[in-house]
Amino acid sequence: MATAKVWAILQQRDGELHRQSRETVAAAQELATLVGGTVDAVLLGSGIAPLAATLAGQWAVERVLHADHAALATYTPGAYATALAPAIREEAPAYVLFPHTYQSVEYFPRVAQQVGGAIVSAVGSFRLADGAIQWTRPVLGGKLQADVRVKATSGGATLASIQPGAVSADRLRAGSGVAAALPTTALDSWKPDREILGVESAAKEEVDLSKADIIVAAGRGVGGADKMGVIQALAEALGAEIGASRPVIDNGWLPRDRQIGSSGQTVAPKLYVAAGISGAIQHLVGMKGASCIVAINKDPNAPIFAIARYGIVGDLHEVLPALTAAVKEAKG
């Protein structure tokens, strides 16, 4: 396969990178290895040139390209598409990878339409097959996985969004490149298509589990709100956040912002302890990107064991206190 440019689109707010940005760069590095290509990272914003220079000195990429313009100070899909589409047409990358976030999935189809590119969304993995990249993505709410290839007649770039945890940020290769500015003249005459009144959380008490390195998740097997103490104790010992499967939320044992799965949050922590969770597909799609999954369930045939690195068949009310004691002892 001929040498190809691979772009990794970064996501930032107020100069802080979204966690999935690093995962996206790691995915771009792995894709570039498969196709014999090079990697550029792309940063959009206002006043972000210093951040671009810093990142260029940290990562094994050729360039950190940055579009720096006042119109990009606050994210809007129109401004981001207006900045990115001309750059893709000019630079002609073969692949443009985005983090699969609410922000990216809003505007990257518009970019694809403007550049005549192909879209592959929510990619969970990719590989080289018969000389072409084969993407794997969930369909039917994660009940099935589809293998997808882009037709050669599509032309233009392939734009793909990478699911959280599909490629761990730990696999991001360090190195150095250069920072380079992208033209932003198209934004000089751009007319805003929406007015941003402010950015706020959906609820003041809402927790963002996607940022957690360790999660202890409770399932129906816990048995009730009055039996959540073992979950809380292990979470405190590990310095972890608490998550849950949908039955726990529907029964009112935990608030809805703790739900993980297709109708909740998608997470990819370094450690995920699933206690009393059988492993319905709706839950698995929200946490299977975890680096290490420890499953505890009385049913040895529970589906969760199929994706767990470590499985413990037993009563969680006996296992969790023992784990908590072991963690405390290890920490001294």
C-alpha atoms as a PDB file:
ATOM      1  CA  MET A   1       0.000   0.000   0.000  1.00  0.00           C
ATOM      2  CA  ALA A   2       1.340   3.441  -0.891  1.00  0.00           C
ATOM      3  CA  THR A   3       2.503   5.849   1.800  1.00  0.00           C
ATOM      4  CA  ALA A   4      -0.443   7.675   3.280  1.00  0.00           C
ATOM      5  CA  LYS A   5      -0.952  10.591   5.617  1.00  0.00           C
ATOM      6  CA  VAL A   6      -2.933   9.846   8.759  1.00  0.00           C
ATOM      7  CA  TRP A   7      -4.404  12.758  10.690  1.00  0.00           C
ATOM      8  CA  ALA A   8      -5.482  12.617  14.317  1.00  0.00           C
ATOM      9  CA  ILE A   9      -7.940  15.367  15.231  1.00  0.00           C
ATOM     10  CA  LEU A  10      -7.500  16.539  18.805  1.00  0.00           C
ATOM     11  CA  GLN A  11     -10.262  17.889  21.029  1.00  0.00           C
ATOM     12  CA  GLN A  12      -9.559  20.601  23.579  1.00  0.00           C
ATOM     13  CA  ARG A  13     -11.386  23.100  25.729  1.00  0.00           C
ATOM     14  CA  ASP A  14      -9.670  26.075  27.341  1.00  0.00           C
ATOM     15  CA  GLY A  15      -6.298  24.595  26.445  1.00  0.00           C
ATOM     16  CA  GLU A  16      -6.990  21.246  28.110  1.00  0.00           C
ATOM     17  CA  LEU A  17      -6.963  18.158  25.900  1.00  0.00           C
ATOM     18  CA  HIS A  18      -9.886  15.763  26.049  1.00  0.00           C
ATOM     19  CA  ARG A  19      -8.703  12.385  27.334  1.00  0.00           C
ATOM     20  CA  GLN A  20      -9.626  10.690  24.045  1.00  0.00           C
ATOM     21  CA  SER A  21      -7.292  12.959  22.100  1.00  0.00           C
ATOM     22  CA  ARG A  22      -4.297  10.909  23.193  1.00  0.00           C
ATOM     23  CA  GLU A  23      -6.114   7.694  22.337  1.00  0.00           C
ATOM     24  CA  THR A  24      -6.811   9.085  18.869  1.00  0.00           C
ATOM     25  CA  VAL A  25      -3.139   9.891  18.299  1.00  0.00           C
ATOM     26  CA  ALA A  26      -2.207   6.380  19.443  1.00  0.00           C
ATOM     27  CA  ALA A  27      -4.764   4.957  16.990  1.00  0.00           C
ATOM     28  CA  ALA A  28      -3.324   7.124  14.201  1.00  0.00           C
ATOM     29  CA  GLN A  29       0.178   5.864  14.969  1.00  0.00           C
ATOM     30  CA  GLU A  30      -0.986   2.250  14.760  1.00  0.00           C
ATOM     31  CA  LEU A  31      -2.902   2.901  11.537  1.00  0.00           C
ATOM     32  CA  ALA A  32       0.128   4.627  10.009  1.00  0.00           C
ATOM     33  CA  THR A  33       2.236   1.575  10.840  1.00  0.00           C
ATOM     34  CA  LEU A  34      -0.249  -0.637   8.992  1.00  0.00           C
ATOM     35  CA  VAL A  35      -0.366   1.509   5.862  1.00  0.00           C
ATOM     36  CA  GLY A  36       3.259   2.645   5.879  1.00  0.00           C
ATOM     37  CA  GLY A  37       2.251   6.230   6.427  1.00  0.00           C
ATOM     38  CA  THR A  38       3.008   9.280   8.546  1.00  0.00           C
ATOM     39  CA  VAL A  39       1.049  10.908  11.357  1.00  0.00           C
ATOM     40  CA  ASP A  40       0.002  14.509  11.883  1.00  0.00           C
ATOM     41  CA  ALA A  41      -2.018  15.723  14.864  1.00  0.00           C
ATOM     42  CA  VAL A  42      -4.460  18.586  14.239  1.00  0.00           C
ATOM     43  CA  LEU A  43      -5.545  21.104  16.870  1.00  0.00           C
ATOM     44  CA  LEU A  44      -8.320  23.671  16.471  1.00  0.00           C
ATOM     45  CA  GLY A  45      -8.896  26.637  18.759  1.00  0.00           C
ATOM     46  CA  SER A  46      -7.878  30.161  19.654  1.00  0.00           C
ATOM     47  CA  GLY A  47      -4.543  30.924  21.269  1.00  0.00           C
ATOM     48  CA  ILE A  48      -3.513  27.294  21.025  1.00  0.00           C
ATOM     49  CA  ALA A  49      -0.137  27.725  19.266  1.00  0.00           C
ATOM     50  CA  PRO A  50       1.831  27.222  22.535  1.00  0.00           C
ATOM     51  CA  LEU A  51      -0.095  24.001  23.249  1.00  0.00           C
ATOM     52  CA  ALA A  52       0.636  22.777  19.718  1.00  0.00           C
ATOM     53  CA  ALA A  53       4.354  23.433  20.226  1.00  0.00           C
ATOM     54  CA  THR A  54       4.322  21.569  23.532  1.00  0.00           C
ATOM     55  CA  LEU A  55       2.579  18.541  22.049  1.00  0.00           C
ATOM     56  CA  ALA A  56       4.930  18.523  19.062  1.00  0.00           C
ATOM     57  CA  GLY A  57       7.798  18.014  21.479  1.00  0.00           C
ATOM     58  CA  GLN A  58       6.127  15.059  23.183  1.00  0.00           C
ATOM     59  CA  TRP A  59       4.638  12.804  20.526  1.00  0.00           C
ATOM     60  CA  ALA A  60       6.014  10.705  17.679  1.00  0.00           C
ATOM     61  CA  VAL A  61       4.245  12.672  14.956  1.00  0.00           C
ATOM     62  CA  GLU A  62       5.628  14.562  12.000  1.00  0.00           C
ATOM     63  CA  ARG A  63       3.639  17.720  12.707  1.00  0.00           C
ATOM     64  CA  VAL A  64       1.124  19.182  15.095  1.00  0.00           C
ATOM     65  CA  LEU A  65      -0.952  21.321  12.769  1.00  0.00           C
ATOM     66  CA  HIS A  66      -2.971  24.058  14.410  1.00  0.00           C
ATOM     67  CA  ALA A  67      -5.750  26.284  13.130  1.00  0.00           C
ATOM     68  CA  ASP A  68      -5.697  29.303  15.448  1.00  0.00           C
ATOM     69  CA  HIS A  69      -8.534  31.795  14.990  1.00  0.00           C
ATOM     70  CA  ALA A  70     -10.912  33.788  17.170  1.00  0.00           C
ATOM     71  CA  ALA A  71     -13.866  32.035  15.523  1.00  0.00           C
ATOM     72  CA  LEU A  72     -12.595  28.766  17.025  1.00  0.00           C
ATOM     73  CA  ALA A  73     -12.412  30.058  20.601  1.00  0.00           C
ATOM     74  CA  THR A  74     -15.634  28.221  21.432  1.00  0.00           C
ATOM     75  CA  TYR A  75     -16.626  25.073  19.584  1.00  0.00           C
ATOM     76  CA  THR A  76     -19.331  25.355  16.933  1.00  0.00           C
ATOM     77  CA  PRO A  77     -19.777  22.763  14.175  1.00  0.00           C
ATOM     78  CA  GLY A  78     -19.813  25.355  11.403  1.00  0.00           C
ATOM     79  CA  ALA A  79     -16.542  26.983  12.427  1.00  0.00           C
ATOM     80  CA  TYR A  80     -14.755  23.671  12.957  1.00  0.00           C
ATOM     81  CA  ALA A  81     -15.912  22.329   9.589  1.00  0.00           C
ATOM     82  CA  THR A  82     -14.978  25.578   7.868  1.00  0.00           C
ATOM     83  CA  ALA A  83     -11.458  25.378   9.299  1.00  0.00           C
ATOM     84  CA  LEU A  84     -10.897  21.671   8.766  1.00  0.00           C
ATOM     85  CA  ALA A  85     -12.408  20.959   5.333  1.00  0.00           C
ATOM     86  CA  PRO A  86     -10.086  23.264   3.324  1.00  0.00           C
ATOM     87  CA  ALA A  87      -7.077  21.851   5.181  1.00  0.00           C
ATOM     88  CA  ILE A  88      -8.074  18.291   4.281  1.00  0.00           C
ATOM     89  CA  ARG A  89      -8.571  19.250   0.640  1.00  0.00           C
ATOM     90  CA  GLU A  90      -5.170  20.962   0.551  1.00  0.00           C
ATOM     91  CA  GLU A  91      -3.128  18.388   2.472  1.00  0.00           C
ATOM     92  CA  ALA A  92      -4.999  15.306   1.170  1.00  0.00           C
ATOM     93  CA  PRO A  93      -4.602  12.914   4.116  1.00  0.00           C
ATOM     94  CA  ALA A  94      -5.814   9.409   3.332  1.00  0.00           C
ATOM     95  CA  TYR A  95      -7.281   8.910   6.817  1.00  0.00           C
ATOM     96  CA  VAL A  96      -8.621  11.409   9.338  1.00  0.00           C
ATOM     97  CA  LEU A  97      -9.313  10.004  12.787  1.00  0.00           C
ATOM     98  CA  PHE A  98     -11.548  11.723  15.344  1.00  0.00           C
ATOM     99  CA  PRO A  99     -12.274  10.868  18.968  1.00  0.00           C
ATOM    100  CA  HIS A 100     -15.801   9.446  19.149  1.00  0.00           C
ATOM    101  CA  THR A 101     -17.280  12.196  21.332  1.00  0.00           C
ATOM    102  CA  TYR A 102     -20.539  14.126  21.225  1.00  0.00           C
ATOM    103  CA  GLN A 103     -18.623  17.049  19.744  1.00  0.00           C
ATOM    104  CA  SER A 104     -16.874  15.165  16.968  1.00  0.00           C
ATOM    105  CA  VAL A 105     -19.873  13.149  15.826  1.00  0.00           C
ATOM    106  CA  GLU A 106     -21.792  16.396  15.437  1.00  0.00           C
ATOM    107  CA  TYR A 107     -19.464  18.048  12.968  1.00  0.00           C
ATOM    108  CA  PHE A 108     -17.312  15.415  11.263  1.00  0.00           C
ATOM    109  CA  PRO A 109     -20.107  14.239   8.909  1.00  0.00           C
ATOM    110  CA  ARG A 110     -20.308  17.836   7.689  1.00  0.00           C
ATOM    111  CA  VAL A 111     -16.570  17.790   7.047  1.00  0.00           C
ATOM    112  CA  ALA A 112     -16.865  14.511   5.141  1.00  0.00           C
ATOM    113  CA  GLN A 113     -19.623  15.934   2.977  1.00  0.00           C
ATOM    114  CA  GLN A 114     -17.551  19.011   2.158  1.00  0.00           C
ATOM    115  CA  VAL A 115     -14.445  17.037   1.174  1.00  0.00           C
ATOM    116  CA  GLY A 116     -16.249  14.138  -0.514  1.00  0.00           C
ATOM    117  CA  GLY A 117     -14.889  11.651   1.981  1.00  0.00           C
ATOM    118  CA  ALA A 118     -16.208   8.395   3.410  1.00  0.00           C
ATOM    119  CA  ILE A 119     -17.428   8.009   7.000  1.00  0.00           C
ATOM    120  CA  VAL A 120     -16.875   5.119   9.390  1.00  0.00           C
ATOM    121  CA  SER A 121     -18.216   5.924  12.855  1.00  0.00           C
ATOM    122  CA  ALA A 122     -17.687   4.371  16.300  1.00  0.00           C
ATOM    123  CA  VAL A 123     -14.712   2.249  15.248  1.00  0.00           C
ATOM    124  CA  GLY A 124     -13.731  -0.325  17.845  1.00  0.00           C
ATOM    125  CA  SER A 125     -10.771  -1.828  15.992  1.00  0.00           C
ATOM    126  CA  PHE A 126      -9.091  -1.934  12.591  1.00  0.00           C
ATOM    127  CA  ARG A 127      -6.649  -4.154  10.716  1.00  0.00           C
ATOM    128  CA  LEU A 128      -5.065  -4.633   7.324  1.00  0.00           C
ATOM    129  CA  ALA A 129      -6.884  -7.274   5.251  1.00  0.00           C
ATOM    130  CA  ASP A 130      -6.205  -8.020   1.596  1.00  0.00           C
ATOM    131  CA  GLY A 131      -4.326  -4.769   1.155  1.00  0.00           C
ATOM    132  CA  ALA A 132      -7.065  -2.558   2.598  1.00  0.00           C
ATOM    133  CA  ILE A 133      -8.021  -1.295   6.032  1.00  0.00           C
ATOM    134  CA  GLN A 134     -10.925  -3.216   7.540  1.00  0.00           C
ATOM    135  CA  TRP A 135     -12.784  -1.343  10.262  1.00  0.00           C
ATOM    136  CA  THR A 136     -14.892  -3.046  12.924  1.00  0.00           C
ATOM    137  CA  ARG A 137     -17.803  -1.144  14.453  1.00  0.00           C
ATOM    138  CA  PRO A 138     -20.924  -2.046  16.469  1.00  0.00           C
ATOM    139  CA  VAL A 139     -24.373  -2.301  14.934  1.00  0.00           C
ATOM    140  CA  LEU A 140     -27.812  -2.918  16.450  1.00  0.00           C
ATOM    141  CA  GLY A 141     -26.856  -1.312  19.726  1.00  0.00           C
ATOM    142  CA  GLY A 142     -23.708  -3.376  20.003  1.00  0.00           C
ATOM    143  CA  LYS A 143     -25.429  -6.742  19.589  1.00  0.00           C
ATOM    144  CA  LEU A 144     -23.378  -7.360  16.440  1.00  0.00           C
ATOM    145  CA  GLN A 145     -20.030  -6.193  15.072  1.00  0.00           C
ATOM    146  CA  ALA A 146     -19.753  -5.188  11.415  1.00  0.00           C
ATOM    147  CA  ASP A 147     -16.552  -5.368   9.374  1.00  0.00           C
ATOM    148  CA  VAL A 148     -16.440  -2.408   6.991  1.00  0.00           C
ATOM    149  CA  ARG A 149     -14.248  -1.491   4.039  1.00  0.00           C
ATOM    150  CA  VAL A 150     -14.399   1.781   2.169  1.00  0.00           C
ATOM    151  CA  LYS A 151     -15.009   1.382  -1.556  1.00  0.00           C
ATOM    152  CA  ALA A 152     -12.127   2.454  -3.737  1.00  0.00           C
ATOM    153  CA  THR A 153     -14.597   4.506  -5.786  1.00  0.00           C
ATOM    154  CA  SER A 154     -15.403   6.698  -2.773  1.00  0.00           C
ATOM    155  CA  GLY A 155     -12.386   8.924  -3.383  1.00  0.00           C
ATOM    156  CA  GLY A 156     -11.103  11.490  -0.931  1.00  0.00           C
ATOM    157  CA  ALA A 157     -10.220  10.803   2.676  1.00  0.00           C
ATOM    158  CA  THR A 158     -11.704   8.223   5.005  1.00  0.00           C
ATOM    159  CA  LEU A 159     -12.985   9.935   8.144  1.00  0.00           C
ATOM    160  CA  ALA A 160     -13.392   7.637  11.146  1.00  0.00           C
ATOM    161  CA  SER A 161     -14.342   8.221  14.760  1.00  0.00           C
ATOM    162  CA  ILE A 162     -12.538   6.009  17.288  1.00  0.00           C
ATOM    163  CA  GLN A 163     -14.463   4.639  20.255  1.00  0.00           C
ATOM    164  CA  PRO A 164     -13.174   5.356  23.763  1.00  0.00           C
ATOM    165  CA  GLY A 165     -10.691   2.700  24.756  1.00  0.00           C
ATOM    166  CA  ALA A 166     -10.390   1.197  21.282  1.00  0.00           C
ATOM    167  CA  VAL A 167      -6.680   2.020  21.424  1.00  0.00           C
ATOM    168  CA  SER A 168      -5.227   2.749  24.852  1.00  0.00           C
ATOM    169  CA  ALA A 169      -3.476   6.070  25.373  1.00  0.00           C
ATOM    170  CA  ASP A 170      -0.706   4.039  27.012  1.00  0.00           C
ATOM    171  CA  ARG A 171       0.245   2.916  23.507  1.00  0.00           C
ATOM    172  CA  LEU A 172       0.918   6.485  22.362  1.00  0.00           C
ATOM    173  CA  ARG A 173       4.550   6.614  21.218  1.00  0.00           C
ATOM    174  CA  ALA A 174       6.657   9.463  22.486  1.00  0.00           C
ATOM    175  CA  GLY A 175       8.928  11.470  20.220  1.00  0.00           C
ATOM    176  CA  SER A 176       9.047  14.878  18.654  1.00  0.00           C
ATOM    177  CA  GLY A 177       7.883  16.705  15.565  1.00  0.00           C
ATOM    178  CA  VAL A 178       7.244  20.288  14.605  1.00  0.00           C
ATOM    179  CA  ALA A 179       4.312  22.630  15.095  1.00  0.00           C
ATOM    180  CA  ALA A 180       2.916  24.244  11.961  1.00  0.00           C
ATOM    181  CA  ALA A 181       0.022  26.614  11.369  1.00  0.00           C
ATOM    182  CA  LEU A 182      -2.889  25.819   9.079  1.00  0.00           C
ATOM    183  CA  PRO A 183      -4.444  28.577   6.943  1.00  0.00           C
ATOM    184  CA  THR A 184      -7.566  30.067   8.523  1.00  0.00           C
ATOM    185  CA  THR A 185      -8.552  32.592   5.859  1.00  0.00           C
ATOM    186  CA  ALA A 186     -11.850  30.771   5.234  1.00  0.00           C
ATOM    187  CA  LEU A 187     -12.902  31.782   8.744  1.00  0.00           C
ATOM    188  CA  ASP A 188     -12.378  35.487   8.106  1.00  0.00           C
ATOM    189  CA  SER A 189     -15.626  35.688   6.134  1.00  0.00           C
ATOM    190  CA  TRP A 190     -17.439  32.902   8.002  1.00  0.00           C
ATOM    191  CA  LYS A 191     -20.770  33.837   9.536  1.00  0.00           C
ATOM    192  CA  PRO A 192     -21.640  32.062  12.796  1.00  0.00           C
ATOM    193  CA  ASP A 193     -24.446  29.528  12.462  1.00  0.00           C
ATOM    194  CA  ARG A 194     -25.243  29.445  16.171  1.00  0.00           C
ATOM    195  CA  GLU A 195     -24.763  31.583  19.251  1.00  0.00           C
ATOM    196  CA  ILE A 196     -23.104  29.984  22.256  1.00  0.00           C
ATOM    197  CA  LEU A 197     -24.741  31.300  25.410  1.00  0.00           C
ATOM    198  CA  GLY A 198     -22.598  29.223  27.743  1.00  0.00           C
ATOM    199  CA  VAL A 199     -21.306  25.761  28.560  1.00  0.00           C
ATOM    200  CA  GLU A 200     -22.425  23.951  31.675  1.00  0.00           C
ATOM    201  CA  SER A 201     -22.835  20.433  32.996  1.00  0.00           C
ATOM    202  CA  ALA A 202     -26.205  18.736  32.637  1.00  0.00           C
ATOM    203  CA  ALA A 203     -26.373  18.633  36.431  1.00  0.00           C
ATOM    204  CA  LYS A 204     -24.122  20.204  39.031  1.00  0.00           C
ATOM    205  CA  GLU A 205     -23.633  16.903  40.800  1.00  0.00           C
ATOM    206  CA  GLU A 206     -23.064  14.903  37.627  1.00  0.00           C
ATOM    207  CA  VAL A 207     -19.905  12.821  37.530  1.00  0.00           C
ATOM    208  CA  ASP A 208     -17.885  12.288  34.356  1.00  0.00           C
ATOM    209  CA  LEU A 209     -16.926   8.633  34.606  1.00  0.00           C
ATOM    210  CA  SER A 210     -15.050   8.828  31.301  1.00  0.00           C
ATOM    211  CA  LYS A 211     -12.214  10.596  33.151  1.00  0.00           C
ATOM    212  CA  ALA A 212     -11.867   7.919  35.845  1.00  0.00           C
ATOM    213  CA  ASP A 213      -8.797   5.680  35.889  1.00  0.00           C
ATOM    214  CA  ILE A 214     -10.464   3.143  38.189  1.00  0.00           C
ATOM    215  CA  ILE A 215     -14.165   2.236  38.383  1.00  0.00           C
ATOM    216  CA  VAL A 216     -15.951  -0.161  40.687  1.00  0.00           C
ATOM    217  CA  ALA A 217     -19.278  -0.982  39.017  1.00  0.00           C
ATOM    218  CA  ALA A 218     -22.304  -2.471  40.742  1.00  0.00           C
ATOM    219  CA  GLY A 219     -24.838  -4.743  39.118  1.00  0.00           C
ATOM    220  CA  ARG A 220     -28.167  -6.264  40.024  1.00  0.00           C
ATOM    221  CA  GLY A 221     -26.308  -8.973  41.948  1.00  0.00           C
ATOM    222  CA  VAL A 222     -25.507  -6.496  44.723  1.00  0.00           C
ATOM    223  CA  GLY A 223     -29.039  -7.080  45.949  1.00  0.00           C
ATOM    224  CA  GLY A 224     -30.264  -3.662  47.006  1.00  0.00           C
ATOM    225  CA  ALA A 225     -29.429  -0.088  47.927  1.00  0.00           C
ATOM    226  CA  ASP A 226     -28.829  -1.146  51.533  1.00  0.00           C
ATOM    227  CA  LYS A 227     -26.116  -3.567  50.385  1.00  0.00           C
ATOM    228  CA  MET A 228     -23.993  -1.068  48.451  1.00  0.00           C
ATOM    229  CA  GLY A 229     -21.532  -0.674  51.323  1.00  0.00           C
ATOM    230  CA  VAL A 230     -19.134  -3.279  49.944  1.00  0.00           C
ATOM    231  CA  ILE A 231     -18.989  -1.371  46.658  1.00  0.00           C
ATOM    232  CA  GLN A 232     -18.322   1.925  48.430  1.00  0.00           C
ATOM    233  CA  ALA A 233     -15.630   0.392  50.637  1.00  0.00           C
ATOM    234  CA  LEU A 234     -13.665  -1.071  47.723  1.00  0.00           C
ATOM    235  CA  ALA A 235     -14.001   2.148  45.731  1.00  0.00           C
ATOM    236  CA  GLU A 236     -12.631   4.168  48.644  1.00  0.00           C
ATOM    237  CA  ALA A 237      -9.727   1.754  49.105  1.00  0.00           C
ATOM    238  CA  LEU A 238      -8.829   1.926  45.411  1.00  0.00           C
ATOM    239  CA  GLY A 239      -9.481   5.654  45.004  1.00  0.00           C
ATOM    240  CA  ALA A 240     -12.095   4.726  42.389  1.00  0.00           C
ATOM    241  CA  GLU A 241     -15.334   6.126  41.051  1.00  0.00           C
ATOM    242  CA  ILE A 242     -18.524   4.090  41.399  1.00  0.00           C
ATOM    243  CA  GLY A 243     -20.494   3.063  38.307  1.00  0.00           C
ATOM    244  CA  ALA A 244     -23.449   0.791  37.689  1.00  0.00           C
ATOM    245  CA  SER A 245     -25.397  -1.221  35.181  1.00  0.00           C
ATOM    246  CA  ARG A 246     -28.896  -0.110  34.214  1.00  0.00           C
ATOM    247  CA  PRO A 247     -30.861  -2.343  36.652  1.00  0.00           C
ATOM    248  CA  VAL A 248     -29.101  -0.631  39.561  1.00  0.00           C
ATOM    249  CA  ILE A 249     -30.122   2.777  38.221  1.00  0.00           C
ATOM    250  CA  ASP A 250     -33.694   1.728  37.380  1.00  0.00           C
ATOM    251  CA  ASN A 251     -34.111   0.388  40.923  1.00  0.00           C
ATOM    252  CA  GLY A 252     -32.935   3.691  42.353  1.00  0.00           C
ATOM    253  CA  TRP A 253     -29.877   2.304  44.131  1.00  0.00           C
ATOM    254  CA  LEU A 254     -27.615   4.927  42.501  1.00  0.00           C
ATOM    255  CA  PRO A 255     -28.276   8.188  40.585  1.00  0.00           C
ATOM    256  CA  ARG A 256     -28.540   8.023  36.804  1.00  0.00           C
ATOM    257  CA  ASP A 257     -25.231   9.823  36.212  1.00  0.00           C
ATOM    258  CA  ARG A 258     -23.510   6.624  37.422  1.00  0.00           C
ATOM    259  CA  GLN A 259     -24.950   4.474  34.634  1.00  0.00           C
ATOM    260  CA  ILE A 260     -22.527   2.829  32.218  1.00  0.00           C
ATOM    261  CA  GLY A 261     -23.611   1.332  28.915  1.00  0.00           C
ATOM    262  CA  SER A 262     -25.387   2.085  25.657  1.00  0.00           C
ATOM    263  CA  SER A 263     -27.907   4.338  27.425  1.00  0.00           C
ATOM    264  CA  GLY A 264     -25.364   5.739  29.885  1.00  0.00           C
ATOM    265  CA  GLN A 265     -21.718   6.725  29.836  1.00  0.00           C
ATOM    266  CA  THR A 266     -18.937   5.084  27.832  1.00  0.00           C
ATOM    267  CA  VAL A 267     -15.782   4.536  29.846  1.00  0.00           C
ATOM    268  CA  ALA A 268     -12.282   3.171  29.325  1.00  0.00           C
ATOM    269  CA  PRO A 269     -10.514   3.156  32.701  1.00  0.00           C
ATOM    270  CA  LYS A 270      -7.266   1.390  33.472  1.00  0.00           C
ATOM    271  CA  LEU A 271      -9.125  -0.868  35.931  1.00  0.00           C
ATOM    272  CA  TYR A 272     -12.807  -1.840  35.872  1.00  0.00           C
ATOM    273  CA  VAL A 273     -14.185  -4.012  38.671  1.00  0.00           C
ATOM    274  CA  ALA A 274     -17.596  -5.434  37.689  1.00  0.00           C
ATOM    275  CA  ALA A 275     -19.401  -6.731  40.774  1.00  0.00           C
ATOM    276  CA  GLY A 276     -22.636  -8.628  40.289  1.00  0.00           C
ATOM    277  CA  ILE A 277     -22.877  -7.619  36.628  1.00  0.00           C
ATOM    278  CA  SER A 278     -23.885 -10.441  34.297  1.00  0.00           C
ATOM    279  CA  GLY A 279     -22.676  -8.687  31.151  1.00  0.00           C
ATOM    280  CA  ALA A 280     -25.658  -7.737  28.981  1.00  0.00           C
ATOM    281  CA  ILE A 281     -24.477  -6.362  25.637  1.00  0.00           C
ATOM    282  CA  GLN A 282     -25.955  -2.942  26.480  1.00  0.00           C
ATOM    283  CA  HIS A 283     -23.537  -2.711  29.403  1.00  0.00           C
ATOM    284  CA  LEU A 284     -20.541  -4.238  27.642  1.00  0.00           C
ATOM    285  CA  VAL A 285     -20.539  -1.628  24.865  1.00  0.00           C
ATOM    286  CA  GLY A 286     -20.015   1.038  27.500  1.00  0.00           C
ATOM    287  CA  MET A 287     -17.004  -0.488  29.281  1.00  0.00           C
ATOM    288  CA  LYS A 288     -15.285  -3.091  27.129  1.00  0.00           C
ATOM    289  CA  GLY A 289     -12.520  -0.606  26.326  1.00  0.00           C
ATOM    290  CA  ALA A 290     -11.177  -0.849  29.895  1.00  0.00           C
ATOM    291  CA  SER A 291      -7.523  -1.885  30.037  1.00  0.00           C
ATOM    292  CA  CYS A 292      -8.128  -4.458  32.769  1.00  0.00           C
ATOM    293  CA  ILE A 293     -11.533  -5.912  33.668  1.00  0.00           C
ATOM    294  CA  VAL A 294     -12.060  -7.860  36.877  1.00  0.00           C
ATOM    295  CA  ALA A 295     -15.437  -9.636  36.997  1.00  0.00           C
ATOM    296  CA  ILE A 296     -17.080 -11.046  40.130  1.00  0.00           C
ATOM    297  CA  ASN A 297     -20.226 -13.114  39.694  1.00  0.00           C
ATOM    298  CA  LYS A 298     -21.784 -16.224  41.191  1.00  0.00           C
ATOM    299  CA  ASP A 299     -22.732 -17.516  37.722  1.00  0.00           C
ATOM    300  CA  PRO A 300     -19.688 -19.093  36.028  1.00  0.00           C
ATOM    301  CA  ASN A 301     -21.457 -18.733  32.666  1.00  0.00           C
ATOM    302  CA  ALA A 302     -22.061 -14.988  32.996  1.00  0.00           C
ATOM    303  CA  PRO A 303     -21.160 -13.234  29.696  1.00  0.00           C
ATOM    304  CA  ILE A 304     -18.984 -10.714  31.551  1.00  0.00           C
ATOM    305  CA  PHE A 305     -16.333 -13.408  32.006  1.00  0.00           C
ATOM    306  CA  ALA A 306     -15.808 -13.586  28.238  1.00  0.00           C
ATOM    307  CA  ILE A 307     -14.180 -10.129  28.193  1.00  0.00           C
ATOM    308  CA  ALA A 308     -12.676 -10.091  31.697  1.00  0.00           C
ATOM    309  CA  ARG A 309      -8.948 -10.436  32.247  1.00  0.00           C
ATOM    310  CA  TYR A 310      -9.618 -11.819  35.703  1.00  0.00           C
ATOM    311  CA  GLY A 311     -12.782 -13.646  36.705  1.00  0.00           C
ATOM    312  CA  ILE A 312     -13.838 -14.559  40.237  1.00  0.00           C
ATOM    313  CA  VAL A 313     -16.761 -16.953  40.615  1.00  0.00           C
ATOM    314  CA  GLY A 314     -18.249 -16.290  44.016  1.00  0.00           C
ATOM    315  CA  ASP A 315     -20.518 -14.205  46.225  1.00  0.00           C
ATOM    316  CA  LEU A 316     -19.521 -10.559  45.827  1.00  0.00           C
ATOM    317  CA  HIS A 317     -20.439  -9.915  49.472  1.00  0.00           C
ATOM    318  CA  GLU A 318     -17.666 -12.308  50.432  1.00  0.00           C
ATOM    319  CA  VAL A 319     -15.197 -11.445  47.674  1.00  0.00           C
ATOM    320  CA  LEU A 320     -15.310  -7.629  47.852  1.00  0.00           C
ATOM    321  CA  PRO A 321     -14.512  -7.339  51.587  1.00  0.00           C
ATOM    322  CA  ALA A 322     -11.545  -9.655  51.035  1.00  0.00           C
ATOM    323  CA  LEU A 323     -10.362  -7.549  48.097  1.00  0.00           C
ATOM    324  CA  THR A 324     -10.797  -4.358  50.107  1.00  0.00           C
ATOM    325  CA  ALA A 325      -8.739  -5.779  52.963  1.00  0.00           C
ATOM    326  CA  ALA A 326      -6.019  -6.866  50.519  1.00  0.00           C
ATOM    327  CA  VAL A 327      -5.889  -3.428  48.905  1.00  0.00           C
ATOM    328  CA  LYS A 328      -5.597  -1.707  52.275  1.00  0.00           C
ATOM    329  CA  GLU A 329      -2.852  -4.099  53.334  1.00  0.00           C
ATOM    330  CA  ALA A 330      -0.955  -3.546  50.078  1.00  0.00           C
ATOM    331  CA  LYS A 331      -1.165   0.209  50.592  1.00  0.00           C
ATOM    332  CA  GLY A 332       0.142  -0.168  54.134  1.00  0.00           C
END
